[in-house]
Amino acid sequence: MSLHATSPQFKENAHRALHDTQLQKALGNVRQNFIERRAVAAGNLPEFEALRDQARDIRDHVLAHLDLYLEEYERKVTEAGGHVHFARTAAEACDIIVGLARARGAKTVTKGKSMVSEEIGLNAALERNGIEAVETDLGEYIIQLRGEAPSHIIAPAVHLNREDVEAEFRRVHTHLDAGRDLEQPETLLAEARAILRAKFLASDIGITGANFLVAETGTSVIVTNEGNGDLTQLLPKVHIVVASIEKIAPTLEDVAGIMRVLARSATGQDMSVYTTLSTGPRRPDDVDGPEEYHVVLVDNGRSNMLGTQFQDMLRCIRCGACMNHCPVYHAVGGHAYGWVYPGPMGAVLTPSLIGVDKAGHLPNASTFCGRCESVCPVRIPLPKLMRHWREREFERHLAPSTVRYGLGFWAFVAKRPRLYGLATRIGMKLLAIAGGEKGHFRSLPFAGGWTQYRDFPAPHGDTFQSQWKKRNNGR
């Protein structure tokens, strides 16, 4: 499966998503489950807000000294018997990994869940070279069968219902009994586990991502709920870690602190079920583990974000809390965003990596309600960063002319308080009269995008400024 950016078609993607009955049913699970679980988990930890501050400060410290920590991490990995490869671009990263696989005659590669591998198009690169890439995370395995990209960074198949998964298993697993019972989630899980067990045993190379890379020890850390990451790392002769450069953490103690907010923010768990630490290849007295250990560090545009307005985005620890709480994501799902990273974090990161000319719609796909920033475990100011991208889009004349002229007219009026007050008072009165007894509009000039799907309420009473003036003059 090759992932192609369709971010410029966000409006078309969103339109299809809004009319997809099955998708809308599946998205209900995001609204009902993730939000409530996070609130409970955070509420049960009195120091949760202080831990968010600590996590933010650690990430900021790393980004301010990223070159030093990358050098130290490389030194520690090398001391442990591993190898570090630096990739400036997605193509370089794929070439490195494909080169390692071909040099070892690999035919099958098992993979743990890795958004960076999606970003660089690793599966497609391996397949072009005759190497089978098998996703071992259950959600990733399901969408790989369907030829789809993840629709969520921690729950890649959240856009699917049980019936979708059953249909896919019956379509692909044709060697199994056609009359088997797949009515329960447990039976679907058991079937996937049996299929993947053979893949684990046959794998020549295991590839994982990394939640953290520890400069102090040269350790890669992954957190999972299925244990597939452990099997991916331990059974093959070669373990390759592919991670973006900002995943560095100074010490294991720093990682422990950040992990206290990671799972609570992501899935509402106190901790993920499995936390796996890998440091180099198998040592002489180890009973298992890979014979070779490689780390591919991917830049792919991130160094260009350092020292800019968008550096804060590099604090992200990929918990998915922003999209779990985003009303736009709830309405259209992850595939509408058209690339690897959906939701508010994708609306900031995607333009940074592929350009605002290709992803300019995404920063505009926000209500600016602020829920994303309020739940981010490392306090990324996502609405502010989306505003910065809107400014860049406007400055480069990438926004539609109607939007640019409309904003220009509004700015002209808004900069003149008396004119603004007069215009809003007149507008309010005219809308109130036109709204009549119904109190709303089914259609309205220049507001078709709103009235196509919902009524536009008619104003009642004075403007806010008029009410405020009356209230304060009466004191």
Protein backbone atom coordinates (compact mmCIF):
# COMPACT_ATOMS: atom_id res chain seq x y z
CA MET A 1 0.00 0.00 0.00
CA SER A 2 1.36 3.39 -0.97
CA LEU A 3 0.02 6.44 0.83
CA HIS A 4 -0.68 9.45 -1.37
CA ALA A 5 -1.44 12.86 0.07
CA THR A 6 -4.98 14.04 -0.69
CA SER A 7 -4.90 16.99 1.71
CA PRO A 8 -5.78 19.47 -1.10
CA GLN A 9 -9.04 17.53 -1.48
CA PHE A 10 -9.97 17.90 2.20
CA LYS A 11 -13.38 19.40 1.42
CA GLU A 12 -14.27 16.56 -0.94
CA ASN A 13 -12.93 13.99 1.52
CA ALA A 14 -14.94 15.53 4.34
CA HIS A 15 -18.10 15.62 2.23
CA ARG A 16 -17.84 11.88 1.55
CA ALA A 17 -17.13 11.17 5.22
CA LEU A 18 -20.18 13.10 6.40
CA HIS A 19 -22.38 10.95 4.16
CA ASP A 20 -20.74 7.63 5.08
CA THR A 21 -23.24 5.94 7.42
CA GLN A 22 -20.86 3.19 8.53
CA LEU A 23 -18.09 5.69 9.28
CA GLN A 24 -20.40 7.89 11.31
CA LYS A 25 -21.42 4.88 13.36
CA ALA A 26 -17.78 3.96 14.02
CA LEU A 27 -16.80 7.53 14.96
CA GLY A 28 -19.33 7.39 17.77
CA ASN A 29 -16.88 5.13 19.60
CA VAL A 30 -14.28 7.91 19.65
CA ARG A 31 -16.70 10.40 21.16
CA GLN A 32 -17.98 7.98 23.78
CA ASN A 33 -14.86 6.12 24.88
CA PHE A 34 -11.66 8.13 24.65
CA ILE A 35 -12.91 11.38 26.17
CA GLU A 36 -14.52 9.87 29.23
CA ARG A 37 -11.63 7.50 29.93
CA ARG A 38 -9.05 10.28 29.79
CA ALA A 39 -11.08 12.45 32.14
CA VAL A 40 -11.31 9.65 34.71
CA ALA A 41 -7.63 8.72 34.44
CA ALA A 42 -6.48 12.32 34.77
CA GLY A 43 -8.85 13.01 37.64
CA ASN A 44 -7.47 10.04 39.59
CA LEU A 45 -3.95 11.47 39.51
CA PRO A 46 -3.70 14.66 41.62
CA GLU A 47 -0.35 15.65 40.11
CA PHE A 48 -1.51 15.21 36.51
CA GLU A 49 -1.32 18.91 35.59
CA ALA A 50 2.12 19.24 37.18
CA LEU A 51 3.27 16.22 35.16
CA ARG A 52 2.04 17.92 31.97
CA ASP A 53 4.20 20.93 32.82
CA GLN A 54 7.16 18.65 33.47
CA ALA A 55 6.67 16.78 30.21
CA ARG A 56 6.46 20.07 28.28
CA ASP A 57 9.68 21.32 29.89
CA ILE A 58 11.56 18.10 29.14
CA ARG A 59 10.50 18.20 25.50
CA ASP A 60 11.45 21.88 25.19
CA HIS A 61 14.86 21.17 26.72
CA VAL A 62 15.50 18.37 24.24
CA LEU A 63 14.55 20.52 21.26
CA ALA A 64 16.83 23.32 22.46
CA HIS A 65 19.78 20.87 22.59
CA LEU A 66 18.72 18.31 20.00
CA ASP A 67 22.09 18.10 18.25
CA LEU A 68 23.90 17.25 21.48
CA TYR A 69 21.39 14.59 22.50
CA LEU A 70 21.43 12.99 19.04
CA GLU A 71 25.22 12.73 19.18
CA GLU A 72 25.08 11.19 22.66
CA TYR A 73 22.37 8.76 21.63
CA GLU A 74 24.40 7.63 18.61
CA ARG A 75 27.46 7.13 20.82
CA LYS A 76 25.54 4.99 23.31
CA VAL A 77 23.91 2.85 20.62
CA THR A 78 27.31 2.23 19.04
CA GLU A 79 28.81 1.29 22.42
CA ALA A 80 26.03 -1.26 22.85
CA GLY A 81 26.86 -2.87 19.51
CA GLY A 82 24.16 -1.19 17.42
CA HIS A 83 24.29 1.03 14.36
CA VAL A 84 22.69 4.44 13.81
CA HIS A 85 21.76 5.69 10.33
CA PHE A 86 20.69 9.27 9.66
CA ALA A 87 18.16 9.94 6.89
CA ARG A 88 17.49 13.47 5.69
CA THR A 89 14.46 12.52 3.61
CA ALA A 90 11.81 9.82 3.38
CA ALA A 91 13.50 8.39 0.30
CA GLU A 92 16.84 8.12 2.11
CA ALA A 93 15.20 6.35 5.05
CA CYS A 94 13.55 3.81 2.74
CA ASP A 95 16.79 3.25 0.83
CA ILE A 96 18.65 2.54 4.07
CA ILE A 97 16.08 0.03 5.33
CA VAL A 98 15.62 -1.67 1.95
CA GLY A 99 19.40 -1.86 1.63
CA LEU A 100 19.70 -3.57 5.02
CA ALA A 101 16.98 -6.03 4.08
CA ARG A 102 18.39 -6.87 0.65
CA ALA A 103 21.91 -7.31 1.98
CA ARG A 104 20.59 -9.97 4.34
CA GLY A 105 18.41 -11.69 1.76
CA ALA A 106 15.24 -10.89 3.69
CA LYS A 107 11.95 -12.07 2.21
CA THR A 108 9.56 -11.24 5.05
CA VAL A 109 9.55 -8.28 7.44
CA THR A 110 7.24 -7.97 10.44
CA LYS A 111 6.42 -4.49 11.66
CA GLY A 112 5.19 -2.93 14.85
CA LYS A 113 2.94 0.11 14.59
CA SER A 114 4.93 3.10 13.36
CA MET A 115 3.50 6.34 12.02
CA VAL A 116 6.93 7.36 10.74
CA SER A 117 7.03 4.25 8.55
CA GLU A 118 3.68 5.38 7.13
CA GLU A 119 5.10 8.85 6.58
CA ILE A 120 8.09 7.62 4.57
CA GLY A 121 6.08 5.02 2.60
CA LEU A 122 8.17 2.13 3.88
CA ASN A 123 5.78 -0.73 3.11
CA ALA A 124 5.51 0.28 -0.53
CA ALA A 125 9.30 0.58 -0.80
CA LEU A 126 9.79 -2.90 0.63
CA GLU A 127 7.15 -4.42 -1.61
CA ARG A 128 8.71 -2.82 -4.71
CA ASN A 129 11.85 -4.77 -3.84
CA GLY A 130 10.07 -8.09 -3.42
CA ILE A 131 10.00 -8.01 0.39
CA GLU A 132 6.73 -8.80 2.16
CA ALA A 133 5.92 -6.33 4.93
CA VAL A 134 3.44 -7.62 7.53
CA GLU A 135 1.80 -5.26 10.01
CA THR A 136 1.42 -7.01 13.37
CA ASP A 137 -0.61 -4.49 15.36
CA LEU A 138 -4.19 -5.73 15.06
CA GLY A 139 -5.57 -2.44 13.79
CA GLU A 140 -2.69 -2.00 11.36
CA TYR A 141 -3.10 -5.60 10.16
CA ILE A 142 -6.79 -5.00 9.43
CA ILE A 143 -6.23 -1.84 7.42
CA GLN A 144 -3.31 -3.41 5.58
CA LEU A 145 -5.68 -6.11 4.36
CA ARG A 146 -8.05 -3.37 3.18
CA GLY A 147 -5.29 -1.36 1.49
CA GLU A 148 -6.03 1.65 3.70
CA ALA A 149 -3.99 4.12 5.71
CA PRO A 150 -4.48 4.54 9.48
CA SER A 151 -7.35 6.85 10.39
CA HIS A 152 -5.99 7.51 13.90
CA ILE A 153 -2.45 7.52 15.25
CA ILE A 154 -3.14 5.13 18.13
CA ALA A 155 -6.27 3.33 16.91
CA PRO A 156 -5.63 2.91 13.17
CA ALA A 157 -8.87 1.00 12.47
CA VAL A 158 -11.17 3.15 14.59
CA HIS A 159 -13.17 4.02 11.46
CA LEU A 160 -14.31 0.40 11.13
CA ASN A 161 -17.06 -1.59 12.81
CA ARG A 162 -16.97 -5.26 13.78
CA GLU A 163 -18.94 -6.15 10.66
CA ASP A 164 -16.28 -4.51 8.48
CA VAL A 165 -13.53 -6.57 10.09
CA GLU A 166 -15.49 -9.81 9.81
CA ALA A 167 -16.11 -9.21 6.11
CA GLU A 168 -12.43 -8.52 5.50
CA PHE A 169 -11.28 -11.65 7.35
CA ARG A 170 -13.71 -13.80 5.37
CA ARG A 171 -12.49 -12.21 2.13
CA VAL A 172 -8.78 -12.76 2.83
CA HIS A 173 -8.56 -15.81 5.10
CA THR A 174 -10.09 -18.14 2.51
CA HIS A 175 -8.13 -21.16 3.76
CA LEU A 176 -10.22 -21.22 6.95
CA ASP A 177 -13.64 -22.76 7.44
CA ALA A 178 -16.22 -20.57 5.70
CA GLY A 179 -18.79 -21.46 8.36
CA ARG A 180 -16.67 -20.35 11.32
CA ASP A 181 -18.23 -18.05 13.92
CA LEU A 182 -16.84 -14.51 13.82
CA GLU A 183 -19.66 -12.81 15.68
CA GLN A 184 -17.57 -11.83 18.71
CA PRO A 185 -14.51 -9.56 18.87
CA GLU A 186 -12.65 -12.33 20.72
CA THR A 187 -13.01 -14.71 17.77
CA LEU A 188 -11.70 -12.06 15.37
CA LEU A 189 -8.73 -11.48 17.64
CA ALA A 190 -7.99 -15.20 17.92
CA GLU A 191 -8.05 -15.59 14.15
CA ALA A 192 -5.66 -12.69 13.60
CA ARG A 193 -3.37 -14.01 16.31
CA ALA A 194 -3.17 -17.42 14.65
CA ILE A 195 -2.41 -15.90 11.25
CA LEU A 196 0.25 -13.57 12.61
CA ARG A 197 1.97 -16.26 14.69
CA ALA A 198 3.27 -17.90 11.53
CA LYS A 199 4.42 -14.52 10.22
CA PHE A 200 6.39 -13.83 13.40
CA LEU A 201 8.19 -17.16 13.12
CA ALA A 202 9.00 -16.70 9.43
CA SER A 203 10.21 -13.12 9.71
CA ASP A 204 13.77 -12.27 8.69
CA ILE A 205 13.71 -8.70 10.02
CA GLY A 206 11.60 -6.94 12.62
CA ILE A 207 10.89 -3.22 12.29
CA THR A 208 9.46 -1.09 15.08
CA GLY A 209 8.94 2.55 15.70
CA ALA A 210 9.90 4.21 18.97
CA ASN A 211 7.95 6.24 21.46
CA PHE A 212 11.22 7.43 22.96
CA LEU A 213 14.94 7.18 22.26
CA VAL A 214 17.02 7.55 25.43
CA ALA A 215 20.26 9.47 25.03
CA GLU A 216 21.56 8.33 28.42
CA THR A 217 21.59 4.63 27.49
CA GLY A 218 21.03 4.31 23.72
CA THR A 219 17.70 2.61 24.43
CA SER A 220 14.58 2.59 22.26
CA VAL A 221 11.25 2.44 24.09
CA ILE A 222 7.90 1.32 22.70
CA VAL A 223 4.55 1.07 24.46
CA THR A 224 1.88 -1.31 23.19
CA ASN A 225 -1.24 -3.08 24.41
CA GLU A 226 -0.85 -6.25 22.37
CA GLY A 227 2.72 -7.49 22.84
CA ASN A 228 3.30 -7.63 19.09
CA GLY A 229 6.16 -5.18 19.45
CA ASP A 230 8.06 -7.62 21.66
CA LEU A 231 7.70 -10.47 19.16
CA THR A 232 8.71 -8.16 16.32
CA GLN A 233 11.89 -7.19 18.14
CA LEU A 234 12.93 -10.51 19.67
CA LEU A 235 12.27 -13.25 17.11
CA PRO A 236 14.00 -12.05 13.89
CA LYS A 237 17.78 -11.94 13.53
CA VAL A 238 17.71 -8.21 12.75
CA HIS A 239 15.84 -5.46 14.60
CA ILE A 240 15.47 -2.09 12.86
CA VAL A 241 14.10 0.91 14.76
CA VAL A 242 12.77 3.73 12.57
CA ALA A 243 12.02 6.97 14.41
CA SER A 244 11.97 10.70 13.81
CA ILE A 245 14.78 12.77 15.28
CA GLU A 246 12.67 14.56 17.92
CA LYS A 247 11.84 11.32 19.76
CA ILE A 248 14.99 11.75 21.89
CA ALA A 249 14.65 11.92 25.69
CA PRO A 250 17.62 12.73 27.96
CA THR A 251 17.28 9.97 30.57
CA LEU A 252 15.21 6.96 31.54
CA GLU A 253 13.87 8.99 34.46
CA ASP A 254 12.59 11.61 32.02
CA VAL A 255 10.86 8.89 30.00
CA ALA A 256 9.22 7.53 33.15
CA GLY A 257 7.77 10.96 33.90
CA ILE A 258 6.42 11.54 30.40
CA MET A 259 4.89 8.06 30.30
CA ARG A 260 2.68 8.96 33.27
CA VAL A 261 0.80 11.38 31.03
CA LEU A 262 1.11 9.42 27.75
CA ALA A 263 -1.24 6.48 28.32
CA ARG A 264 -3.68 8.52 30.41
CA SER A 265 -3.98 11.02 27.57
CA ALA A 266 -4.13 8.38 24.83
CA THR A 267 -6.39 5.60 26.05
CA GLY A 268 -7.29 6.49 29.63
CA GLN A 269 -5.00 3.78 31.02
CA ASP A 270 -2.62 4.39 33.90
CA MET A 271 0.03 2.67 31.80
CA SER A 272 0.04 0.75 28.54
CA VAL A 273 0.08 -3.04 28.97
CA TYR A 274 3.59 -3.47 27.57
CA THR A 275 6.55 -1.14 27.89
CA THR A 276 9.54 -2.56 26.02
CA LEU A 277 13.10 -1.26 26.22
CA SER A 278 15.73 -2.36 23.69
CA THR A 279 19.42 -1.55 23.90
CA GLY A 280 21.57 -3.00 21.14
CA PRO A 281 21.70 -6.55 19.80
CA ARG A 282 21.72 -9.78 21.79
CA ARG A 283 24.62 -10.09 24.23
CA PRO A 284 26.50 -13.37 24.74
CA ASP A 285 24.54 -14.31 27.85
CA ASP A 286 21.10 -13.26 26.54
CA VAL A 287 18.63 -16.07 25.88
CA ASP A 288 16.96 -14.28 22.98
CA GLY A 289 17.04 -11.12 20.91
CA PRO A 290 18.32 -10.00 17.51
CA GLU A 291 21.85 -10.51 16.27
CA GLU A 292 21.84 -7.04 14.69
CA TYR A 293 20.36 -3.78 15.91
CA HIS A 294 19.93 -0.74 13.66
CA VAL A 295 18.31 2.66 14.27
CA VAL A 296 17.22 4.83 11.35
CA LEU A 297 16.71 8.43 12.45
CA VAL A 298 14.45 10.35 10.08
CA ASP A 299 14.52 14.12 9.64
CA ASN A 300 12.20 14.61 6.64
CA GLY A 301 11.69 18.32 7.28
CA ARG A 302 11.76 18.42 11.06
CA SER A 303 15.06 20.26 11.38
CA ASN A 304 13.47 23.05 9.32
CA MET A 305 10.90 23.49 12.10
CA LEU A 306 13.53 24.10 14.78
CA GLY A 307 13.78 27.74 15.79
CA THR A 308 10.55 28.64 14.00
CA GLN A 309 7.00 29.38 15.09
CA PHE A 310 6.25 25.68 14.64
CA GLN A 311 8.95 24.21 16.90
CA ASP A 312 6.39 23.56 19.64
CA MET A 313 4.80 20.94 17.38
CA LEU A 314 7.92 18.81 17.78
CA ARG A 315 7.00 18.32 21.44
CA CYS A 316 4.24 15.94 20.34
CA ILE A 317 4.37 12.45 21.88
CA ARG A 318 1.72 10.97 19.55
CA CYS A 319 -0.97 10.27 22.14
CA GLY A 320 -3.92 11.21 19.91
CA ALA A 321 -5.72 13.17 22.64
CA CYS A 322 -6.17 16.19 20.38
CA MET A 323 -8.10 14.23 17.76
CA ASN A 324 -10.03 12.30 20.41
CA HIS A 325 -11.47 15.62 21.61
CA CYS A 326 -11.75 17.43 18.27
CA PRO A 327 -15.31 18.04 16.99
CA VAL A 328 -14.04 18.20 13.39
CA TYR A 329 -12.31 14.82 13.69
CA HIS A 330 -15.47 13.43 15.30
CA ALA A 331 -17.43 14.52 12.23
CA VAL A 332 -15.14 13.40 9.39
CA GLY A 333 -12.62 10.90 10.79
CA GLY A 334 -8.95 10.63 9.98
CA HIS A 335 -8.92 9.75 6.29
CA ALA A 336 -10.47 13.09 5.36
CA TYR A 337 -7.21 14.81 6.35
CA GLY A 338 -5.58 13.11 3.39
CA TRP A 339 -2.20 12.11 4.79
CA VAL A 340 -0.54 10.32 7.69
CA TYR A 341 -1.41 12.61 10.59
CA PRO A 342 -5.07 13.56 11.19
CA GLY A 343 -6.80 15.85 13.64
CA PRO A 344 -5.38 19.06 15.12
CA MET A 345 -1.83 17.74 15.34
CA GLY A 346 -2.00 16.78 11.68
CA ALA A 347 -3.38 20.22 10.80
CA VAL A 348 -0.11 21.67 12.11
CA LEU A 349 2.43 18.93 11.31
CA THR A 350 1.28 18.07 7.78
CA PRO A 351 1.84 21.59 6.33
CA SER A 352 5.23 21.59 8.06
CA LEU A 353 6.27 18.39 6.31
CA ILE A 354 4.62 18.53 2.87
CA GLY A 355 3.97 22.27 2.52
CA VAL A 356 1.07 24.59 3.17
CA ASP A 357 0.42 24.70 -0.57
CA LYS A 358 -0.55 21.00 -0.38
CA ALA A 359 -2.20 21.07 3.05
CA GLY A 360 -3.63 24.57 3.40
CA HIS A 361 -7.16 23.32 4.04
CA LEU A 362 -6.14 21.47 7.20
CA PRO A 363 -5.37 24.45 9.49
CA ASN A 364 -8.76 25.81 8.43
CA ALA A 365 -10.52 22.60 9.50
CA SER A 366 -10.92 23.76 13.08
CA THR A 367 -13.56 25.40 15.23
CA PHE A 368 -10.77 26.86 17.40
CA CYS A 369 -12.68 25.61 20.43
CA GLY A 370 -9.34 24.98 22.17
CA ARG A 371 -10.14 21.47 23.38
CA CYS A 372 -7.03 20.08 21.68
CA GLU A 373 -4.70 22.40 23.58
CA SER A 374 -6.57 21.85 26.85
CA VAL A 375 -5.91 18.08 26.76
CA CYS A 376 -2.46 17.95 25.13
CA PRO A 377 -0.11 16.24 27.62
CA VAL A 378 2.81 18.46 26.54
CA ARG A 379 0.69 21.63 26.20
CA ILE A 380 1.23 22.29 22.48
CA PRO A 381 -0.64 25.51 21.56
CA LEU A 382 -2.33 23.89 18.58
CA PRO A 383 -4.89 26.64 17.83
CA LYS A 384 -2.13 29.26 17.79
CA LEU A 385 -0.02 27.15 15.42
CA MET A 386 -3.01 26.63 13.12
CA ARG A 387 -3.49 30.40 13.06
CA HIS A 388 0.14 30.81 12.04
CA TRP A 389 -0.44 28.46 9.10
CA ARG A 390 -3.56 30.42 8.14
CA GLU A 391 -1.44 33.56 8.15
CA ARG A 392 1.16 31.90 5.91
CA GLU A 393 -1.56 30.70 3.56
CA PHE A 394 -3.03 34.21 3.38
CA GLU A 395 0.36 35.89 2.85
CA ARG A 396 1.23 33.56 -0.02
CA HIS A 397 -2.18 34.15 -1.67
CA LEU A 398 -2.97 30.44 -1.42
CA ALA A 399 -6.39 31.07 0.11
CA PRO A 400 -9.32 31.55 -2.32
CA SER A 401 -9.70 35.13 -3.55
CA THR A 402 -13.15 35.36 -1.96
CA VAL A 403 -11.63 34.56 1.42
CA ARG A 404 -8.79 37.04 0.99
CA TYR A 405 -11.04 39.87 -0.17
CA GLY A 406 -13.59 39.06 2.51
CA LEU A 407 -10.95 39.20 5.24
CA GLY A 408 -9.56 42.39 3.78
CA PHE A 409 -12.99 44.04 3.89
CA TRP A 410 -13.59 42.80 7.45
CA ALA A 411 -10.17 44.12 8.53
CA PHE A 412 -10.94 47.52 7.03
CA VAL A 413 -14.15 47.75 9.05
CA ALA A 414 -12.76 46.18 12.24
CA LYS A 415 -9.92 48.72 12.40
CA ARG A 416 -12.51 51.52 12.61
CA PRO A 417 -14.51 50.99 15.83
CA ARG A 418 -17.27 53.49 15.06
CA LEU A 419 -17.83 52.10 11.60
CA TYR A 420 -17.70 48.55 13.00
CA GLY A 421 -20.28 49.38 15.67
CA LEU A 422 -22.61 51.03 13.18
CA ALA A 423 -22.31 48.17 10.67
CA THR A 424 -22.99 45.47 13.27
CA ARG A 425 -25.98 47.32 14.72
CA ILE A 426 -27.54 47.73 11.28
CA GLY A 427 -26.73 44.14 10.37
CA MET A 428 -28.27 42.81 13.58
CA LYS A 429 -31.49 44.74 13.06
CA LEU A 430 -31.83 43.68 9.42
CA LEU A 431 -31.21 40.02 10.24
CA ALA A 432 -33.66 40.14 13.16
CA ILE A 433 -36.36 41.59 10.89
CA ALA A 434 -35.63 39.14 8.06
CA GLY A 435 -35.65 36.22 10.48
CA GLY A 436 -39.18 37.12 11.47
CA GLU A 437 -41.19 34.77 13.63
CA LYS A 438 -39.17 31.71 12.63
CA GLY A 439 -36.07 33.07 14.30
CA HIS A 440 -33.75 31.36 11.84
CA PHE A 441 -32.77 31.16 8.18
CA ARG A 442 -32.87 28.14 5.88
CA SER A 443 -30.71 30.01 3.37
CA LEU A 444 -28.65 33.17 3.52
CA PRO A 445 -26.34 34.94 1.02
CA PHE A 446 -22.64 34.22 1.65
CA ALA A 447 -23.55 31.57 4.25
CA GLY A 448 -24.43 28.64 2.02
CA GLY A 449 -21.75 26.44 3.58
CA TRP A 450 -23.59 26.76 6.89
CA THR A 451 -27.23 26.71 5.79
CA GLN A 452 -26.72 23.71 3.52
CA TYR A 453 -26.52 21.53 6.63
CA ARG A 454 -28.11 23.55 9.46
CA ASP A 455 -30.31 26.55 10.15
CA PHE A 456 -28.68 29.92 10.74
CA PRO A 457 -30.14 31.51 13.90
CA ALA A 458 -31.51 35.03 13.60
CA PRO A 459 -30.13 37.50 16.17
CA HIS A 460 -32.26 38.61 19.11
CA GLY A 461 -31.61 41.93 20.84
CA ASP A 462 -28.62 44.24 20.62
CA THR A 463 -25.02 43.46 19.76
CA PHE A 464 -22.67 42.39 22.51
CA GLN A 465 -20.92 45.76 22.41
CA SER A 466 -24.23 47.60 22.83
CA GLN A 467 -25.27 45.40 25.75
CA TRP A 468 -21.88 45.84 27.42
CA LYS A 469 -22.08 49.65 26.99
CA LYS A 470 -25.57 49.79 28.48
CA ARG A 471 -24.60 47.60 31.42
CA ASN A 472 -21.52 49.64 32.26
CA ASN A 473 -23.27 53.02 31.84
CA GLY A 474 -25.92 51.88 34.28
CA ARG A 475 -23.44 51.33 37.07
